[in-house]
Amino acid sequence: MPRNKKRTSSNIASQAAKTLADKNSSKTAKSLAASALAQSGNKKQTGGELEDLASTVLSSSKYSDDTKALAGSVLSQSNKKR
């Protein structure tokens, strides 16, 4: 399966770290933040379950712009064939 070579930018990684440290962040935001950080310096790519979550976040008006930015980053690092 072809691999996506994109990595999390330093701005998104910083935002993800802040999200994980914030006790008021939602479980969804923390899941996306953890995935974004995991992909910041290695060859990992987004799994199918998180692809679905990120897609849901991006298509909903319920989530904040910060959560949507994390979702966009995670989704851009998914496997293109999936």
N, C-alpha and C. Protein backbone atom coordinates (compact mmCIF):
# COMPACT_ATOMS: atom_id res chain seq x y z
N MET A 1 0.84 -1.17 0.00
CA MET A 1 0.00 0.00 0.00
C MET A 1 0.89 1.24 0.00
N PRO A 2 0.64 2.21 -0.85
CA PRO A 2 1.45 3.42 -0.89
C PRO A 2 1.37 4.20 0.42
N ARG A 3 2.45 4.79 0.81
CA ARG A 3 2.50 5.55 2.05
C ARG A 3 2.39 7.04 1.75
N ASN A 4 1.72 7.76 2.63
CA ASN A 4 1.63 9.20 2.54
C ASN A 4 2.85 9.76 3.28
N LYS A 5 3.63 10.60 2.66
CA LYS A 5 4.86 11.11 3.25
C LYS A 5 4.70 12.45 3.96
N LYS A 6 3.48 12.94 4.07
CA LYS A 6 3.25 14.22 4.75
C LYS A 6 3.49 14.06 6.25
N ARG A 7 3.91 15.14 6.89
CA ARG A 7 4.18 15.18 8.32
C ARG A 7 3.44 16.37 8.93
N THR A 8 3.20 16.30 10.22
CA THR A 8 2.55 17.38 10.94
C THR A 8 3.47 18.59 11.01
N SER A 9 2.95 19.77 10.70
CA SER A 9 3.75 21.00 10.77
C SER A 9 4.02 21.36 12.22
N SER A 10 4.99 22.21 12.43
CA SER A 10 5.33 22.63 13.80
C SER A 10 4.19 23.41 14.44
N ASN A 11 3.46 24.20 13.65
CA ASN A 11 2.32 24.95 14.20
C ASN A 11 1.22 24.02 14.69
N ILE A 12 0.90 23.00 13.90
CA ILE A 12 -0.13 22.05 14.30
C ILE A 12 0.36 21.20 15.47
N ALA A 13 1.63 20.83 15.47
CA ALA A 13 2.18 20.05 16.58
C ALA A 13 2.10 20.85 17.89
N SER A 14 2.38 22.13 17.82
CA SER A 14 2.28 22.98 18.99
C SER A 14 0.83 23.08 19.47
N GLN A 15 -0.07 23.26 18.53
CA GLN A 15 -1.50 23.32 18.87
C GLN A 15 -1.96 22.00 19.47
N ALA A 16 -1.48 20.89 18.92
CA ALA A 16 -1.85 19.57 19.44
C ALA A 16 -1.36 19.39 20.87
N ALA A 17 -0.14 19.82 21.15
CA ALA A 17 0.40 19.71 22.51
C ALA A 17 -0.43 20.52 23.50
N LYS A 18 -0.84 21.71 23.09
CA LYS A 18 -1.68 22.56 23.95
C LYS A 18 -3.05 21.91 24.18
N THR A 19 -3.58 21.29 23.13
CA THR A 19 -4.88 20.62 23.24
C THR A 19 -4.80 19.46 24.23
N LEU A 20 -3.73 18.69 24.16
CA LEU A 20 -3.57 17.55 25.08
C LEU A 20 -3.38 18.01 26.52
N ALA A 21 -2.77 19.16 26.71
CA ALA A 21 -2.53 19.67 28.06
C ALA A 21 -3.76 20.36 28.66
N ASP A 22 -4.70 20.73 27.81
CA ASP A 22 -5.89 21.46 28.27
C ASP A 22 -6.93 20.49 28.83
N LYS A 23 -7.22 20.62 30.12
CA LYS A 23 -8.17 19.71 30.75
C LYS A 23 -9.60 19.89 30.22
N ASN A 24 -9.85 21.01 29.56
CA ASN A 24 -11.19 21.26 29.02
C ASN A 24 -11.37 20.81 27.58
N SER A 25 -10.32 20.30 26.97
CA SER A 25 -10.42 19.82 25.59
C SER A 25 -11.27 18.55 25.53
N SER A 26 -12.04 18.43 24.47
CA SER A 26 -12.90 17.26 24.31
C SER A 26 -12.09 16.00 24.00
N LYS A 27 -12.72 14.87 24.19
CA LYS A 27 -12.08 13.59 23.86
C LYS A 27 -11.74 13.54 22.37
N THR A 28 -12.63 14.07 21.55
CA THR A 28 -12.40 14.10 20.10
C THR A 28 -11.17 14.93 19.77
N ALA A 29 -11.07 16.12 20.34
CA ALA A 29 -9.93 16.99 20.08
C ALA A 29 -8.63 16.33 20.54
N LYS A 30 -8.67 15.68 21.70
CA LYS A 30 -7.47 15.02 22.22
C LYS A 30 -7.06 13.84 21.35
N SER A 31 -8.02 13.11 20.82
CA SER A 31 -7.69 11.99 19.93
C SER A 31 -7.01 12.49 18.67
N LEU A 32 -7.56 13.55 18.09
CA LEU A 32 -6.96 14.13 16.89
C LEU A 32 -5.58 14.72 17.19
N ALA A 33 -5.46 15.36 18.34
CA ALA A 33 -4.17 15.95 18.73
C ALA A 33 -3.11 14.87 18.92
N ALA A 34 -3.48 13.79 19.55
CA ALA A 34 -2.53 12.69 19.77
C ALA A 34 -2.07 12.10 18.44
N SER A 35 -2.99 11.95 17.51
CA SER A 35 -2.64 11.42 16.20
C SER A 35 -1.71 12.38 15.46
N ALA A 36 -2.02 13.66 15.51
CA ALA A 36 -1.18 14.65 14.83
C ALA A 36 0.23 14.65 15.41
N LEU A 37 0.35 14.58 16.72
CA LEU A 37 1.68 14.55 17.34
C LEU A 37 2.43 13.27 17.00
N ALA A 38 1.72 12.16 16.94
CA ALA A 38 2.37 10.89 16.62
C ALA A 38 2.95 10.91 15.21
N GLN A 39 2.41 11.75 14.35
CA GLN A 39 2.84 11.81 12.95
C GLN A 39 3.80 12.97 12.69
N SER A 40 4.25 13.62 13.74
CA SER A 40 5.06 14.83 13.53
C SER A 40 6.50 14.55 13.14
N GLY A 41 7.06 13.44 13.53
CA GLY A 41 8.47 13.24 13.22
C GLY A 41 8.83 11.86 12.74
N ASN A 42 7.86 11.14 12.24
CA ASN A 42 8.15 9.78 11.79
C ASN A 42 7.28 9.40 10.59
N LYS A 43 7.27 8.15 10.26
CA LYS A 43 6.57 7.70 9.04
C LYS A 43 5.19 7.12 9.31
N LYS A 44 4.63 7.40 10.48
CA LYS A 44 3.28 6.91 10.77
C LYS A 44 2.27 7.65 9.91
N GLN A 45 1.14 6.99 9.66
CA GLN A 45 0.06 7.66 8.95
C GLN A 45 -1.26 7.35 9.64
N THR A 46 -2.26 8.14 9.34
CA THR A 46 -3.56 8.04 9.99
C THR A 46 -4.24 6.71 9.70
N GLY A 47 -4.81 6.10 10.73
CA GLY A 47 -5.57 4.87 10.58
C GLY A 47 -6.99 5.15 10.14
N GLY A 48 -7.68 4.12 9.72
CA GLY A 48 -9.03 4.26 9.20
C GLY A 48 -10.03 4.85 10.18
N GLU A 49 -9.92 4.45 11.45
CA GLU A 49 -10.87 4.94 12.46
C GLU A 49 -10.72 6.46 12.66
N LEU A 50 -9.49 6.92 12.71
CA LEU A 50 -9.27 8.36 12.87
C LEU A 50 -9.59 9.13 11.60
N GLU A 51 -9.44 8.50 10.45
CA GLU A 51 -9.87 9.14 9.20
C GLU A 51 -11.36 9.45 9.26
N ASP A 52 -12.13 8.47 9.73
CA ASP A 52 -13.58 8.67 9.85
C ASP A 52 -13.91 9.78 10.84
N LEU A 53 -13.22 9.78 11.99
CA LEU A 53 -13.45 10.82 13.00
C LEU A 53 -13.11 12.20 12.43
N ALA A 54 -11.97 12.32 11.78
CA ALA A 54 -11.55 13.60 11.21
C ALA A 54 -12.54 14.09 10.16
N SER A 55 -13.02 13.18 9.35
CA SER A 55 -14.00 13.53 8.33
C SER A 55 -15.29 14.05 8.96
N THR A 56 -15.73 13.39 10.02
CA THR A 56 -16.94 13.82 10.73
C THR A 56 -16.76 15.21 11.32
N VAL A 57 -15.60 15.45 11.92
CA VAL A 57 -15.32 16.76 12.52
C VAL A 57 -15.36 17.85 11.46
N LEU A 58 -14.73 17.60 10.33
CA LEU A 58 -14.66 18.63 9.28
C LEU A 58 -16.02 18.94 8.67
N SER A 59 -16.92 17.97 8.69
CA SER A 59 -18.23 18.20 8.07
C SER A 59 -19.29 18.68 9.06
N SER A 60 -18.90 18.92 10.30
CA SER A 60 -19.84 19.34 11.32
C SER A 60 -19.58 20.78 11.76
N SER A 61 -20.64 21.49 12.09
CA SER A 61 -20.50 22.85 12.61
C SER A 61 -20.31 22.84 14.13
N LYS A 62 -20.37 21.69 14.74
CA LYS A 62 -20.30 21.53 16.18
C LYS A 62 -18.90 21.76 16.75
N TYR A 63 -17.86 21.59 15.93
CA TYR A 63 -16.48 21.62 16.42
C TYR A 63 -15.82 22.97 16.18
N SER A 64 -14.85 23.30 17.03
CA SER A 64 -14.14 24.57 16.94
C SER A 64 -13.17 24.56 15.75
N ASP A 65 -12.71 25.76 15.41
CA ASP A 65 -11.73 25.89 14.33
C ASP A 65 -10.43 25.16 14.67
N ASP A 66 -10.03 25.18 15.94
CA ASP A 66 -8.81 24.48 16.36
C ASP A 66 -8.95 22.97 16.16
N THR A 67 -10.09 22.42 16.54
CA THR A 67 -10.32 20.99 16.37
C THR A 67 -10.37 20.64 14.88
N LYS A 68 -10.97 21.52 14.08
CA LYS A 68 -11.02 21.28 12.64
C LYS A 68 -9.63 21.35 12.01
N ALA A 69 -8.76 22.22 12.53
CA ALA A 69 -7.38 22.29 12.01
C ALA A 69 -6.65 20.99 12.30
N LEU A 70 -6.83 20.44 13.49
CA LEU A 70 -6.23 19.16 13.83
C LEU A 70 -6.78 18.06 12.92
N ALA A 71 -8.09 18.08 12.70
CA ALA A 71 -8.73 17.08 11.85
C ALA A 71 -8.20 17.16 10.42
N GLY A 72 -8.03 18.36 9.92
CA GLY A 72 -7.49 18.54 8.57
C GLY A 72 -6.09 18.00 8.44
N SER A 73 -5.27 18.25 9.45
CA SER A 73 -3.90 17.74 9.43
C SER A 73 -3.89 16.22 9.46
N VAL A 74 -4.68 15.65 10.33
CA VAL A 74 -4.74 14.19 10.46
C VAL A 74 -5.24 13.57 9.16
N LEU A 75 -6.28 14.15 8.59
CA LEU A 75 -6.85 13.61 7.36
C LEU A 75 -5.89 13.74 6.18
N SER A 76 -5.12 14.79 6.14
CA SER A 76 -4.17 14.97 5.04
C SER A 76 -3.03 13.95 5.09
N GLN A 77 -2.87 13.31 6.24
CA GLN A 77 -1.80 12.33 6.41
C GLN A 77 -2.32 10.89 6.33
N SER A 78 -3.52 10.75 5.82
CA SER A 78 -4.10 9.41 5.69
C SER A 78 -3.61 8.72 4.41
N ASN A 79 -3.88 7.44 4.34
CA ASN A 79 -3.51 6.67 3.17
C ASN A 79 -4.45 7.02 2.03
N LYS A 80 -3.92 7.49 0.93
CA LYS A 80 -4.74 7.97 -0.19
C LYS A 80 -5.58 6.86 -0.83
N LYS A 81 -5.16 5.61 -0.70
CA LYS A 81 -5.89 4.50 -1.32
C LYS A 81 -7.11 4.08 -0.52
N ARG A 82 -7.15 4.45 0.76
CA ARG A 82 -8.23 4.01 1.62
C ARG A 82 -9.48 4.80 1.39
